[in-house]
Amino acid sequence: MKSVGITGPPGSGKTTLWRAVTGGETKGEVAVVDVPDPRLDVLVEMESSRKRVPIQIQMVDVHAGARSAAAAMGELRKMDALLLVVPSFGGQDAAAALSGYQDDLILADLGPFENRLERARKDAASRHEVPALERAVAHLEAGQPLRSGKWEPEELKAFSAMAPITLKPVVVVFNVDEEGLAAEPPAVDLPSFSASAALEAEVGGLGPDEARELLGAYGIEEPVLGRVIDVVYRLLDLITFFTAGDTESRAWEVRRGATAPEAAGVIHSDIQRGFIRAEIIGYDALVAAGSWNNAKSKGVLRLEGKDYKMVEGDVCHFRFAV
């Protein structure tokens, strides 16, 4: 399960946005939310599945549970991606707020890298890391996040012990008031969009139809959770595949470019270890056939081997022997 940490400067509306993406009534700082995917509903109906299992993602209101700024930065290091909330309401300078907070994240990375570099220079076993660490420190000292650099695999391996915050994928959400929804967000070099955290949190506890109607009145076609998931999946380079049957229909996530055995391993390591082949059909082709059994009888299922690379929307049955 992927974790997304919500962060941002004080007063930006982080907790309000967390409530919006987690349904409006969630308590605490950590919530597990279902990834919206209407394709799964179609598969459940088509296969008369007794169980529907969506992909889930963990949303963490990092600062709400941290006792200090340093503790919050430590929690951010554990996240797969960051949702950076920037205040863009009440006449606030969103660009300045974003720049200032990015500087805070850069400084949070600089200290651990400087300490690691100092130790590596004194330790013969770690001295091979020195050139990579020197480059990273220079990059951070220049006010640049690590994600803006080009790093070799061995350099990234040297960085892994610090779990650098500025190497993580970031989505910027400009938190606007209702009047700001029609305005274009500031141009930034990160994936970004505008949302009204207060409005979205208000509709979080409503039913789907009522929420859609209220958001539609403000020109919002998709709730903020869907937009967050879409951007995070693209940043993490993930795709969705499915398994479907009368017992359950289920969505799974895997990195883009994964082979069929790797996708099988997402389900269970034994399936990957004993992988023989996969029966695969694209979601659209399966819907056109009407059911898995129909697709099988019509001969439109494909048998794929160990070298097959998974495609978004593949529906699979894996054959294996352990």
C-alpha atoms as a PDB file:
ATOM      1  CA  MET A   1       0.000   0.000   0.000  1.00  0.00           C
ATOM      2  CA  LYS A   2       1.391   3.398  -0.989  1.00  0.00           C
ATOM      3  CA  SER A   3       1.515   6.223   1.552  1.00  0.00           C
ATOM      4  CA  VAL A   4       0.947   9.887   0.706  1.00  0.00           C
ATOM      5  CA  GLY A   5       2.006  12.453   3.303  1.00  0.00           C
ATOM      6  CA  ILE A   6       0.141  15.756   3.422  1.00  0.00           C
ATOM      7  CA  THR A   7       2.453  18.629   4.294  1.00  0.00           C
ATOM      8  CA  GLY A   8       2.828  22.361   3.803  1.00  0.00           C
ATOM      9  CA  PRO A   9       3.444  25.623   5.662  1.00  0.00           C
ATOM     10  CA  PRO A  10       1.482  26.514   8.811  1.00  0.00           C
ATOM     11  CA  GLY A  11      -2.069  27.688   8.124  1.00  0.00           C
ATOM     12  CA  SER A  12      -2.187  26.237   4.617  1.00  0.00           C
ATOM     13  CA  GLY A  13      -5.203  23.991   5.317  1.00  0.00           C
ATOM     14  CA  LYS A  14      -3.373  20.652   5.486  1.00  0.00           C
ATOM     15  CA  THR A  15      -5.763  19.021   7.931  1.00  0.00           C
ATOM     16  CA  THR A  16      -8.804  20.387   6.101  1.00  0.00           C
ATOM     17  CA  LEU A  17      -7.548  18.866   2.858  1.00  0.00           C
ATOM     18  CA  TRP A  18      -6.814  15.582   4.664  1.00  0.00           C
ATOM     19  CA  ARG A  19     -10.436  15.501   5.829  1.00  0.00           C
ATOM     20  CA  ALA A  20     -11.559  16.205   2.260  1.00  0.00           C
ATOM     21  CA  VAL A  21      -9.626  13.309   0.719  1.00  0.00           C
ATOM     22  CA  THR A  22     -10.532  10.884   3.521  1.00  0.00           C
ATOM     23  CA  GLY A  23     -14.274  11.412   3.543  1.00  0.00           C
ATOM     24  CA  GLY A  24     -14.826  14.362   5.840  1.00  0.00           C
ATOM     25  CA  GLU A  25     -15.457  12.492   9.092  1.00  0.00           C
ATOM     26  CA  THR A  26     -12.240  10.503   9.594  1.00  0.00           C
ATOM     27  CA  LYS A  27     -10.528  10.774  12.991  1.00  0.00           C
ATOM     28  CA  GLY A  28      -6.811  10.677  13.767  1.00  0.00           C
ATOM     29  CA  GLU A  29      -3.933  11.386  11.389  1.00  0.00           C
ATOM     30  CA  VAL A  30      -3.806   8.260   9.206  1.00  0.00           C
ATOM     31  CA  ALA A  31      -6.608   7.044   6.956  1.00  0.00           C
ATOM     32  CA  VAL A  32      -6.824   4.297   4.370  1.00  0.00           C
ATOM     33  CA  VAL A  33      -8.961   5.274   1.389  1.00  0.00           C
ATOM     34  CA  ASP A  34     -10.208   3.293  -1.595  1.00  0.00           C
ATOM     35  CA  VAL A  35      -8.851   4.275  -4.990  1.00  0.00           C
ATOM     36  CA  PRO A  36     -11.882   5.164  -7.131  1.00  0.00           C
ATOM     37  CA  ASP A  37     -12.126   2.955 -10.238  1.00  0.00           C
ATOM     38  CA  PRO A  38     -15.490   2.437 -11.989  1.00  0.00           C
ATOM     39  CA  ARG A  39     -13.995  -0.439 -13.996  1.00  0.00           C
ATOM     40  CA  LEU A  40     -13.994  -2.543 -10.847  1.00  0.00           C
ATOM     41  CA  ASP A  41     -17.738  -2.013 -10.383  1.00  0.00           C
ATOM     42  CA  VAL A  42     -18.322  -3.223 -13.941  1.00  0.00           C
ATOM     43  CA  LEU A  43     -16.265  -6.369 -13.333  1.00  0.00           C
ATOM     44  CA  VAL A  44     -18.127  -7.122 -10.087  1.00  0.00           C
ATOM     45  CA  GLU A  45     -21.467  -6.931 -11.877  1.00  0.00           C
ATOM     46  CA  MET A  46     -20.258  -8.838 -14.925  1.00  0.00           C
ATOM     47  CA  GLU A  47     -18.814 -11.732 -12.929  1.00  0.00           C
ATOM     48  CA  SER A  48     -21.456 -11.630 -10.128  1.00  0.00           C
ATOM     49  CA  SER A  49     -18.570 -11.350  -7.700  1.00  0.00           C
ATOM     50  CA  ARG A  50     -19.383 -11.822  -4.044  1.00  0.00           C
ATOM     51  CA  LYS A  51     -16.602  -9.446  -3.031  1.00  0.00           C
ATOM     52  CA  ARG A  52     -15.253  -6.161  -4.395  1.00  0.00           C
ATOM     53  CA  VAL A  53     -11.655  -5.284  -3.420  1.00  0.00           C
ATOM     54  CA  PRO A  54     -10.289  -1.930  -4.583  1.00  0.00           C
ATOM     55  CA  ILE A  55      -6.718  -0.707  -4.376  1.00  0.00           C
ATOM     56  CA  GLN A  56      -6.184   1.313  -1.224  1.00  0.00           C
ATOM     57  CA  ILE A  57      -3.854   4.175  -0.431  1.00  0.00           C
ATOM     58  CA  GLN A  58      -2.809   5.582   2.927  1.00  0.00           C
ATOM     59  CA  MET A  59      -3.266   9.322   3.454  1.00  0.00           C
ATOM     60  CA  VAL A  60      -1.279  10.779   6.370  1.00  0.00           C
ATOM     61  CA  ASP A  61      -1.846  14.194   7.982  1.00  0.00           C
ATOM     62  CA  VAL A  62       1.825  14.305   8.941  1.00  0.00           C
ATOM     63  CA  HIS A  63       1.942  17.462  11.037  1.00  0.00           C
ATOM     64  CA  ALA A  64      -1.190  16.672  13.039  1.00  0.00           C
ATOM     65  CA  GLY A  65       0.519  13.739  14.714  1.00  0.00           C
ATOM     66  CA  ALA A  66       4.066  15.148  14.965  1.00  0.00           C
ATOM     67  CA  ARG A  67       5.191  16.845  18.167  1.00  0.00           C
ATOM     68  CA  SER A  68       7.840  18.962  16.456  1.00  0.00           C
ATOM     69  CA  ALA A  69       8.949  20.145  13.028  1.00  0.00           C
ATOM     70  CA  ALA A  70      11.842  17.669  13.146  1.00  0.00           C
ATOM     71  CA  ALA A  71       9.442  14.816  13.914  1.00  0.00           C
ATOM     72  CA  ALA A  72       7.257  15.857  10.980  1.00  0.00           C
ATOM     73  CA  MET A  73      10.255  15.804   8.646  1.00  0.00           C
ATOM     74  CA  GLY A  74      11.088  12.333   9.934  1.00  0.00           C
ATOM     75  CA  GLU A  75       7.594  11.142   9.071  1.00  0.00           C
ATOM     76  CA  LEU A  76       7.820  12.670   5.586  1.00  0.00           C
ATOM     77  CA  ARG A  77      10.877  10.498   4.926  1.00  0.00           C
ATOM     78  CA  LYS A  78       8.668   7.395   5.288  1.00  0.00           C
ATOM     79  CA  MET A  79       6.164   8.479   2.619  1.00  0.00           C
ATOM     80  CA  ASP A  80       6.061   7.293  -0.998  1.00  0.00           C
ATOM     81  CA  ALA A  81       4.836  10.683  -2.228  1.00  0.00           C
ATOM     82  CA  LEU A  82       4.024  14.109  -0.803  1.00  0.00           C
ATOM     83  CA  LEU A  83       0.952  16.284  -1.156  1.00  0.00           C
ATOM     84  CA  LEU A  84       2.204  19.827  -0.569  1.00  0.00           C
ATOM     85  CA  VAL A  85      -0.632  22.187   0.383  1.00  0.00           C
ATOM     86  CA  VAL A  86       0.016  25.860  -0.389  1.00  0.00           C
ATOM     87  CA  PRO A  87      -2.225  28.678   0.908  1.00  0.00           C
ATOM     88  CA  SER A  88      -3.703  30.611  -1.989  1.00  0.00           C
ATOM     89  CA  PHE A  89      -6.640  32.331  -0.304  1.00  0.00           C
ATOM     90  CA  GLY A  90      -7.213  35.633   1.471  1.00  0.00           C
ATOM     91  CA  GLY A  91      -4.667  37.478  -0.648  1.00  0.00           C
ATOM     92  CA  GLN A  92      -1.747  35.261   0.364  1.00  0.00           C
ATOM     93  CA  ASP A  93       1.300  35.012  -1.902  1.00  0.00           C
ATOM     94  CA  ALA A  94       1.154  31.345  -2.932  1.00  0.00           C
ATOM     95  CA  ALA A  95       4.390  31.427  -4.925  1.00  0.00           C
ATOM     96  CA  ALA A  96       6.332  32.848  -1.964  1.00  0.00           C
ATOM     97  CA  ALA A  97       4.764  30.299   0.427  1.00  0.00           C
ATOM     98  CA  LEU A  98       5.715  27.431  -1.874  1.00  0.00           C
ATOM     99  CA  SER A  99       9.269  28.694  -2.350  1.00  0.00           C
ATOM    100  CA  GLY A 100       9.767  29.189   1.379  1.00  0.00           C
ATOM    101  CA  TYR A 101       8.491  25.743   2.268  1.00  0.00           C
ATOM    102  CA  GLN A 102      10.596  24.073  -0.402  1.00  0.00           C
ATOM    103  CA  ASP A 103      13.606  25.795   1.186  1.00  0.00           C
ATOM    104  CA  ASP A 104      12.591  24.227   4.523  1.00  0.00           C
ATOM    105  CA  LEU A 105      12.541  20.767   2.921  1.00  0.00           C
ATOM    106  CA  ILE A 106      15.928  21.338   1.303  1.00  0.00           C
ATOM    107  CA  LEU A 107      17.418  22.353   4.668  1.00  0.00           C
ATOM    108  CA  ALA A 108      15.860  19.274   6.269  1.00  0.00           C
ATOM    109  CA  ASP A 109      17.806  17.117   3.786  1.00  0.00           C
ATOM    110  CA  LEU A 110      21.031  19.104   3.916  1.00  0.00           C
ATOM    111  CA  GLY A 111      21.850  18.307   7.569  1.00  0.00           C
ATOM    112  CA  PRO A 112      21.703  14.494   7.255  1.00  0.00           C
ATOM    113  CA  PHE A 113      23.689  14.593   3.996  1.00  0.00           C
ATOM    114  CA  GLU A 114      26.412  16.767   5.537  1.00  0.00           C
ATOM    115  CA  ASN A 115      26.650  14.412   8.519  1.00  0.00           C
ATOM    116  CA  ARG A 116      26.804  11.350   6.280  1.00  0.00           C
ATOM    117  CA  LEU A 117      29.504  12.976   4.133  1.00  0.00           C
ATOM    118  CA  GLU A 118      31.612  13.770   7.189  1.00  0.00           C
ATOM    119  CA  ARG A 119      31.395  10.169   8.410  1.00  0.00           C
ATOM    120  CA  ALA A 120      32.090   8.733   4.926  1.00  0.00           C
ATOM    121  CA  ARG A 121      35.298  10.744   4.629  1.00  0.00           C
ATOM    122  CA  LYS A 122      36.567   9.133   7.845  1.00  0.00           C
ATOM    123  CA  ASP A 123      35.335   5.588   7.196  1.00  0.00           C
ATOM    124  CA  ALA A 124      37.308   3.528   4.675  1.00  0.00           C
ATOM    125  CA  ALA A 125      34.307   1.233   4.049  1.00  0.00           C
ATOM    126  CA  SER A 126      32.108   4.220   3.088  1.00  0.00           C
ATOM    127  CA  ARG A 127      34.663   6.342   1.263  1.00  0.00           C
ATOM    128  CA  HIS A 128      33.337   5.255  -2.120  1.00  0.00           C
ATOM    129  CA  GLU A 129      30.161   7.241  -1.344  1.00  0.00           C
ATOM    130  CA  VAL A 130      32.023  10.538  -0.942  1.00  0.00           C
ATOM    131  CA  PRO A 131      31.774  11.786  -4.574  1.00  0.00           C
ATOM    132  CA  ALA A 132      28.009  11.150  -4.702  1.00  0.00           C
ATOM    133  CA  LEU A 133      27.447  12.758  -1.305  1.00  0.00           C
ATOM    134  CA  GLU A 134      29.568  15.773  -2.254  1.00  0.00           C
ATOM    135  CA  ARG A 135      27.477  16.258  -5.375  1.00  0.00           C
ATOM    136  CA  ALA A 136      24.264  15.976  -3.373  1.00  0.00           C
ATOM    137  CA  VAL A 137      25.429  18.465  -0.729  1.00  0.00           C
ATOM    138  CA  ALA A 138      26.462  20.957  -3.422  1.00  0.00           C
ATOM    139  CA  HIS A 139      23.081  20.526  -5.107  1.00  0.00           C
ATOM    140  CA  LEU A 140      21.202  21.170  -1.868  1.00  0.00           C
ATOM    141  CA  GLU A 141      23.444  24.098  -0.911  1.00  0.00           C
ATOM    142  CA  ALA A 142      22.550  25.660  -4.260  1.00  0.00           C
ATOM    143  CA  GLY A 143      18.915  25.629  -3.128  1.00  0.00           C
ATOM    144  CA  GLN A 144      17.871  22.792  -5.437  1.00  0.00           C
ATOM    145  CA  PRO A 145      15.803  19.750  -4.408  1.00  0.00           C
ATOM    146  CA  LEU A 146      17.455  16.420  -5.166  1.00  0.00           C
ATOM    147  CA  ARG A 147      14.654  15.432  -7.553  1.00  0.00           C
ATOM    148  CA  SER A 148      15.880  18.154  -9.938  1.00  0.00           C
ATOM    149  CA  GLY A 149      19.266  16.460 -10.359  1.00  0.00           C
ATOM    150  CA  LYS A 150      20.354  13.545 -12.528  1.00  0.00           C
ATOM    151  CA  TRP A 151      21.683  10.705 -10.406  1.00  0.00           C
ATOM    152  CA  GLU A 152      23.213   7.374 -11.281  1.00  0.00           C
ATOM    153  CA  PRO A 153      21.814   4.193  -9.641  1.00  0.00           C
ATOM    154  CA  GLU A 154      24.909   3.887  -7.436  1.00  0.00           C
ATOM    155  CA  GLU A 155      24.477   7.469  -6.261  1.00  0.00           C
ATOM    156  CA  LEU A 156      20.834   6.858  -5.386  1.00  0.00           C
ATOM    157  CA  LYS A 157      21.939   3.770  -3.458  1.00  0.00           C
ATOM    158  CA  ALA A 158      24.256   5.983  -1.404  1.00  0.00           C
ATOM    159  CA  PHE A 159      21.375   8.375  -0.704  1.00  0.00           C
ATOM    160  CA  SER A 160      18.910   5.682   0.409  1.00  0.00           C
ATOM    161  CA  ALA A 161      19.985   5.606   4.059  1.00  0.00           C
ATOM    162  CA  MET A 162      18.863   9.251   4.467  1.00  0.00           C
ATOM    163  CA  ALA A 163      15.472   8.681   2.765  1.00  0.00           C
ATOM    164  CA  PRO A 164      15.719  12.204   1.315  1.00  0.00           C
ATOM    165  CA  ILE A 165      12.495  14.199   1.331  1.00  0.00           C
ATOM    166  CA  THR A 166      13.397  16.265  -1.736  1.00  0.00           C
ATOM    167  CA  LEU A 167      13.858  13.144  -3.836  1.00  0.00           C
ATOM    168  CA  LYS A 168      10.234  12.098  -3.326  1.00  0.00           C
ATOM    169  CA  PRO A 169       7.497  12.808  -5.895  1.00  0.00           C
ATOM    170  CA  VAL A 170       5.507  15.929  -4.974  1.00  0.00           C
ATOM    171  CA  VAL A 171       2.029  17.134  -5.934  1.00  0.00           C
ATOM    172  CA  VAL A 172       1.273  20.783  -5.146  1.00  0.00           C
ATOM    173  CA  VAL A 173      -2.297  21.658  -4.198  1.00  0.00           C
ATOM    174  CA  PHE A 174      -3.043  25.386  -4.171  1.00  0.00           C
ATOM    175  CA  ASN A 175      -5.693  25.734  -1.481  1.00  0.00           C
ATOM    176  CA  VAL A 176      -8.075  28.426  -2.713  1.00  0.00           C
ATOM    177  CA  ASP A 177     -11.357  29.874  -1.523  1.00  0.00           C
ATOM    178  CA  GLU A 178     -14.497  29.377  -3.596  1.00  0.00           C
ATOM    179  CA  GLU A 179     -13.827  32.551  -5.606  1.00  0.00           C
ATOM    180  CA  GLY A 180     -10.369  31.285  -6.538  1.00  0.00           C
ATOM    181  CA  LEU A 181     -11.598  28.080  -8.182  1.00  0.00           C
ATOM    182  CA  ALA A 182     -12.063  29.818 -11.520  1.00  0.00           C
ATOM    183  CA  ALA A 183      -8.543  31.301 -11.553  1.00  0.00           C
ATOM    184  CA  GLU A 184      -5.503  29.631 -13.077  1.00  0.00           C
ATOM    185  CA  PRO A 185      -3.061  28.325 -10.440  1.00  0.00           C
ATOM    186  CA  PRO A 186       0.449  29.833 -10.364  1.00  0.00           C
ATOM    187  CA  ALA A 187       2.880  28.320 -12.867  1.00  0.00           C
ATOM    188  CA  VAL A 188       5.293  26.002 -11.044  1.00  0.00           C
ATOM    189  CA  ASP A 189       7.748  23.300 -12.096  1.00  0.00           C
ATOM    190  CA  LEU A 190       5.849  20.598 -10.193  1.00  0.00           C
ATOM    191  CA  PRO A 191       2.568  18.771 -10.901  1.00  0.00           C
ATOM    192  CA  SER A 192      -0.124  20.990  -9.403  1.00  0.00           C
ATOM    193  CA  PHE A 193      -3.783  21.920  -9.314  1.00  0.00           C
ATOM    194  CA  SER A 194      -6.110  24.165  -7.314  1.00  0.00           C
ATOM    195  CA  ALA A 195      -8.742  22.947  -4.871  1.00  0.00           C
ATOM    196  CA  SER A 196     -10.877  24.444  -2.152  1.00  0.00           C
ATOM    197  CA  ALA A 197     -10.101  22.277   0.864  1.00  0.00           C
ATOM    198  CA  ALA A 198     -12.952  23.796   2.872  1.00  0.00           C
ATOM    199  CA  LEU A 199     -15.521  23.148   0.145  1.00  0.00           C
ATOM    200  CA  GLU A 200     -14.284  19.618  -0.537  1.00  0.00           C
ATOM    201  CA  ALA A 201     -14.264  18.779   3.179  1.00  0.00           C
ATOM    202  CA  GLU A 202     -17.828  20.078   3.427  1.00  0.00           C
ATOM    203  CA  VAL A 203     -19.061  17.631   0.788  1.00  0.00           C
ATOM    204  CA  GLY A 204     -16.904  14.777   2.118  1.00  0.00           C
ATOM    205  CA  GLY A 205     -19.695  13.456   4.312  1.00  0.00           C
ATOM    206  CA  LEU A 206     -22.402  13.691   1.643  1.00  0.00           C
ATOM    207  CA  GLY A 207     -23.634  10.904  -0.601  1.00  0.00           C
ATOM    208  CA  PRO A 208     -22.004  10.582  -4.044  1.00  0.00           C
ATOM    209  CA  ASP A 209     -24.905  12.117  -5.991  1.00  0.00           C
ATOM    210  CA  GLU A 210     -25.360  15.018  -3.599  1.00  0.00           C
ATOM    211  CA  ALA A 211     -21.617  15.698  -3.472  1.00  0.00           C
ATOM    212  CA  ARG A 212     -21.371  15.585  -7.268  1.00  0.00           C
ATOM    213  CA  GLU A 213     -24.221  18.050  -7.605  1.00  0.00           C
ATOM    214  CA  LEU A 214     -22.718  20.510  -5.130  1.00  0.00           C
ATOM    215  CA  LEU A 215     -19.223  20.317  -6.614  1.00  0.00           C
ATOM    216  CA  GLY A 216     -20.669  20.627 -10.110  1.00  0.00           C
ATOM    217  CA  ALA A 217     -22.227  23.943  -9.137  1.00  0.00           C
ATOM    218  CA  TYR A 218     -18.657  25.235  -8.714  1.00  0.00           C
ATOM    219  CA  GLY A 219     -17.422  23.705 -11.961  1.00  0.00           C
ATOM    220  CA  ILE A 220     -15.607  20.827 -10.204  1.00  0.00           C
ATOM    221  CA  GLU A 221     -15.945  17.657 -12.280  1.00  0.00           C
ATOM    222  CA  GLU A 222     -13.940  15.334 -10.033  1.00  0.00           C
ATOM    223  CA  PRO A 223     -13.480  15.340  -6.224  1.00  0.00           C
ATOM    224  CA  VAL A 224     -10.010  16.132  -4.950  1.00  0.00           C
ATOM    225  CA  LEU A 225      -9.268  12.497  -4.025  1.00  0.00           C
ATOM    226  CA  GLY A 226      -9.564  11.406  -7.661  1.00  0.00           C
ATOM    227  CA  ARG A 227      -7.240  14.176  -8.797  1.00  0.00           C
ATOM    228  CA  VAL A 228      -4.699  13.326  -6.106  1.00  0.00           C
ATOM    229  CA  ILE A 229      -4.738   9.621  -7.001  1.00  0.00           C
ATOM    230  CA  ASP A 230      -4.364  10.367 -10.714  1.00  0.00           C
ATOM    231  CA  VAL A 231      -1.304  12.569 -10.238  1.00  0.00           C
ATOM    232  CA  VAL A 232       0.305  10.317  -7.625  1.00  0.00           C
ATOM    233  CA  TYR A 233      -0.083   7.247  -9.845  1.00  0.00           C
ATOM    234  CA  ARG A 234       1.575   9.069 -12.726  1.00  0.00           C
ATOM    235  CA  LEU A 235       4.415  10.292 -10.521  1.00  0.00           C
ATOM    236  CA  LEU A 236       5.014   6.830  -9.052  1.00  0.00           C
ATOM    237  CA  ASP A 237       4.611   5.306 -12.543  1.00  0.00           C
ATOM    238  CA  LEU A 238       1.967   2.796 -11.444  1.00  0.00           C
ATOM    239  CA  ILE A 239      -0.654   0.968 -13.481  1.00  0.00           C
ATOM    240  CA  THR A 240      -3.737  -1.014 -12.465  1.00  0.00           C
ATOM    241  CA  PHE A 241      -4.509  -4.613 -13.381  1.00  0.00           C
ATOM    242  CA  PHE A 242      -7.443  -6.766 -12.294  1.00  0.00           C
ATOM    243  CA  THR A 243      -8.414 -10.274 -11.312  1.00  0.00           C
ATOM    244  CA  ALA A 244     -12.104 -11.132 -11.671  1.00  0.00           C
ATOM    245  CA  GLY A 245     -14.347 -14.061 -10.829  1.00  0.00           C
ATOM    246  CA  ASP A 246     -17.427 -15.089  -8.901  1.00  0.00           C
ATOM    247  CA  THR A 247     -15.531 -15.147  -5.588  1.00  0.00           C
ATOM    248  CA  GLU A 248     -14.115 -11.633  -5.924  1.00  0.00           C
ATOM    249  CA  SER A 249     -13.112  -8.968  -8.398  1.00  0.00           C
ATOM    250  CA  ARG A 250     -10.040  -7.075  -7.323  1.00  0.00           C
ATOM    251  CA  ALA A 251      -7.835  -4.222  -8.501  1.00  0.00           C
ATOM    252  CA  TRP A 252      -4.059  -4.381  -8.042  1.00  0.00           C
ATOM    253  CA  GLU A 253      -1.265  -1.874  -8.576  1.00  0.00           C
ATOM    254  CA  VAL A 254       2.122  -2.567 -10.115  1.00  0.00           C
ATOM    255  CA  ARG A 255       4.905  -0.435 -11.514  1.00  0.00           C
ATOM    256  CA  ARG A 256       4.732   0.348 -15.225  1.00  0.00           C
ATOM    257  CA  GLY A 257       6.904  -2.067 -17.185  1.00  0.00           C
ATOM    258  CA  ALA A 258       6.479  -4.930 -14.712  1.00  0.00           C
ATOM    259  CA  THR A 259       6.456  -8.428 -16.151  1.00  0.00           C
ATOM    260  CA  ALA A 260       3.624 -10.901 -15.671  1.00  0.00           C
ATOM    261  CA  PRO A 261       5.528 -12.833 -12.940  1.00  0.00           C
ATOM    262  CA  GLU A 262       6.175  -9.559 -11.090  1.00  0.00           C
ATOM    263  CA  ALA A 263       2.472  -8.730 -11.263  1.00  0.00           C
ATOM    264  CA  ALA A 264       1.706 -12.224  -9.963  1.00  0.00           C
ATOM    265  CA  GLY A 265       4.058 -11.522  -7.067  1.00  0.00           C
ATOM    266  CA  VAL A 266       1.924  -8.561  -6.053  1.00  0.00           C
ATOM    267  CA  ILE A 267      -0.846 -11.086  -5.355  1.00  0.00           C
ATOM    268  CA  HIS A 268       1.385 -13.626  -3.602  1.00  0.00           C
ATOM    269  CA  SER A 269       5.079 -14.470  -3.700  1.00  0.00           C
ATOM    270  CA  ASP A 270       4.260 -18.157  -4.259  1.00  0.00           C
ATOM    271  CA  ILE A 271       2.428 -17.296  -7.494  1.00  0.00           C
ATOM    272  CA  GLN A 272       5.500 -15.442  -8.768  1.00  0.00           C
ATOM    273  CA  ARG A 273       7.841 -18.231  -7.699  1.00  0.00           C
ATOM    274  CA  GLY A 274       5.738 -20.911  -9.399  1.00  0.00           C
ATOM    275  CA  PHE A 275       4.610 -18.821 -12.370  1.00  0.00           C
ATOM    276  CA  ILE A 276       3.835 -20.843 -15.507  1.00  0.00           C
ATOM    277  CA  ARG A 277       1.849 -18.460 -17.688  1.00  0.00           C
ATOM    278  CA  ALA A 278      -0.937 -15.907 -17.499  1.00  0.00           C
ATOM    279  CA  GLU A 279      -4.326 -15.774 -19.174  1.00  0.00           C
ATOM    280  CA  ILE A 280      -4.799 -12.102 -20.019  1.00  0.00           C
ATOM    281  CA  ILE A 281      -7.403  -9.952 -21.726  1.00  0.00           C
ATOM    282  CA  GLY A 282      -7.721  -6.170 -21.831  1.00  0.00           C
ATOM    283  CA  TYR A 283     -10.558  -4.631 -19.806  1.00  0.00           C
ATOM    284  CA  ASP A 284     -12.359  -3.234 -22.882  1.00  0.00           C
ATOM    285  CA  ALA A 285     -12.129  -6.574 -24.711  1.00  0.00           C
ATOM    286  CA  LEU A 286     -13.502  -8.389 -21.667  1.00  0.00           C
ATOM    287  CA  VAL A 287     -16.450  -5.995 -21.402  1.00  0.00           C
ATOM    288  CA  ALA A 288     -17.142  -6.520 -25.106  1.00  0.00           C
ATOM    289  CA  ALA A 289     -17.114 -10.312 -24.582  1.00  0.00           C
ATOM    290  CA  GLY A 290     -19.541 -10.013 -21.678  1.00  0.00           C
ATOM    291  CA  SER A 291     -17.748 -12.246 -19.163  1.00  0.00           C
ATOM    292  CA  TRP A 292     -14.523 -14.143 -18.550  1.00  0.00           C
ATOM    293  CA  ASN A 293     -16.138 -17.439 -19.581  1.00  0.00           C
ATOM    294  CA  ASN A 294     -17.457 -15.884 -22.806  1.00  0.00           C
ATOM    295  CA  ALA A 295     -14.016 -14.509 -23.606  1.00  0.00           C
ATOM    296  CA  LYS A 296     -12.541 -17.952 -22.985  1.00  0.00           C
ATOM    297  CA  SER A 297     -15.083 -19.740 -25.184  1.00  0.00           C
ATOM    298  CA  LYS A 298     -14.549 -17.215 -27.981  1.00  0.00           C
ATOM    299  CA  GLY A 299     -10.799 -17.739 -27.824  1.00  0.00           C
ATOM    300  CA  VAL A 300      -9.984 -14.070 -27.217  1.00  0.00           C
ATOM    301  CA  LEU A 301      -7.938 -14.695 -24.076  1.00  0.00           C
ATOM    302  CA  ARG A 302      -4.178 -14.504 -24.595  1.00  0.00           C
ATOM    303  CA  LEU A 303      -1.640 -16.827 -23.014  1.00  0.00           C
ATOM    304  CA  GLU A 304       1.401 -14.811 -21.983  1.00  0.00           C
ATOM    305  CA  GLY A 305       4.723 -15.970 -20.600  1.00  0.00           C
ATOM    306  CA  LYS A 306       7.395 -14.648 -18.283  1.00  0.00           C
ATOM    307  CA  ASP A 307       8.538 -11.847 -20.607  1.00  0.00           C
ATOM    308  CA  TYR A 308       5.115 -10.236 -21.006  1.00  0.00           C
ATOM    309  CA  LYS A 309       4.953  -6.645 -19.740  1.00  0.00           C
ATOM    310  CA  MET A 310       1.725  -5.685 -18.066  1.00  0.00           C
ATOM    311  CA  VAL A 311      -0.547  -3.047 -19.600  1.00  0.00           C
ATOM    312  CA  GLU A 312      -2.981  -0.718 -17.862  1.00  0.00           C
ATOM    313  CA  GLY A 313      -6.352  -2.445 -17.492  1.00  0.00           C
ATOM    314  CA  ASP A 314      -5.170  -6.029 -18.035  1.00  0.00           C
ATOM    315  CA  VAL A 315      -7.509  -8.622 -16.489  1.00  0.00           C
ATOM    316  CA  CYS A 316      -5.576 -11.745 -15.514  1.00  0.00           C
ATOM    317  CA  HIS A 317      -5.689 -15.315 -14.303  1.00  0.00           C
ATOM    318  CA  PHE A 318      -2.267 -16.628 -13.323  1.00  0.00           C
ATOM    319  CA  ARG A 319      -1.321 -20.282 -13.712  1.00  0.00           C
ATOM    320  CA  PHE A 320       1.345 -21.471 -11.293  1.00  0.00           C
ATOM    321  CA  ALA A 321       2.734 -24.532  -9.557  1.00  0.00           C
ATOM    322  CA  VAL A 322       4.626 -24.547  -6.273  1.00  0.00           C
END
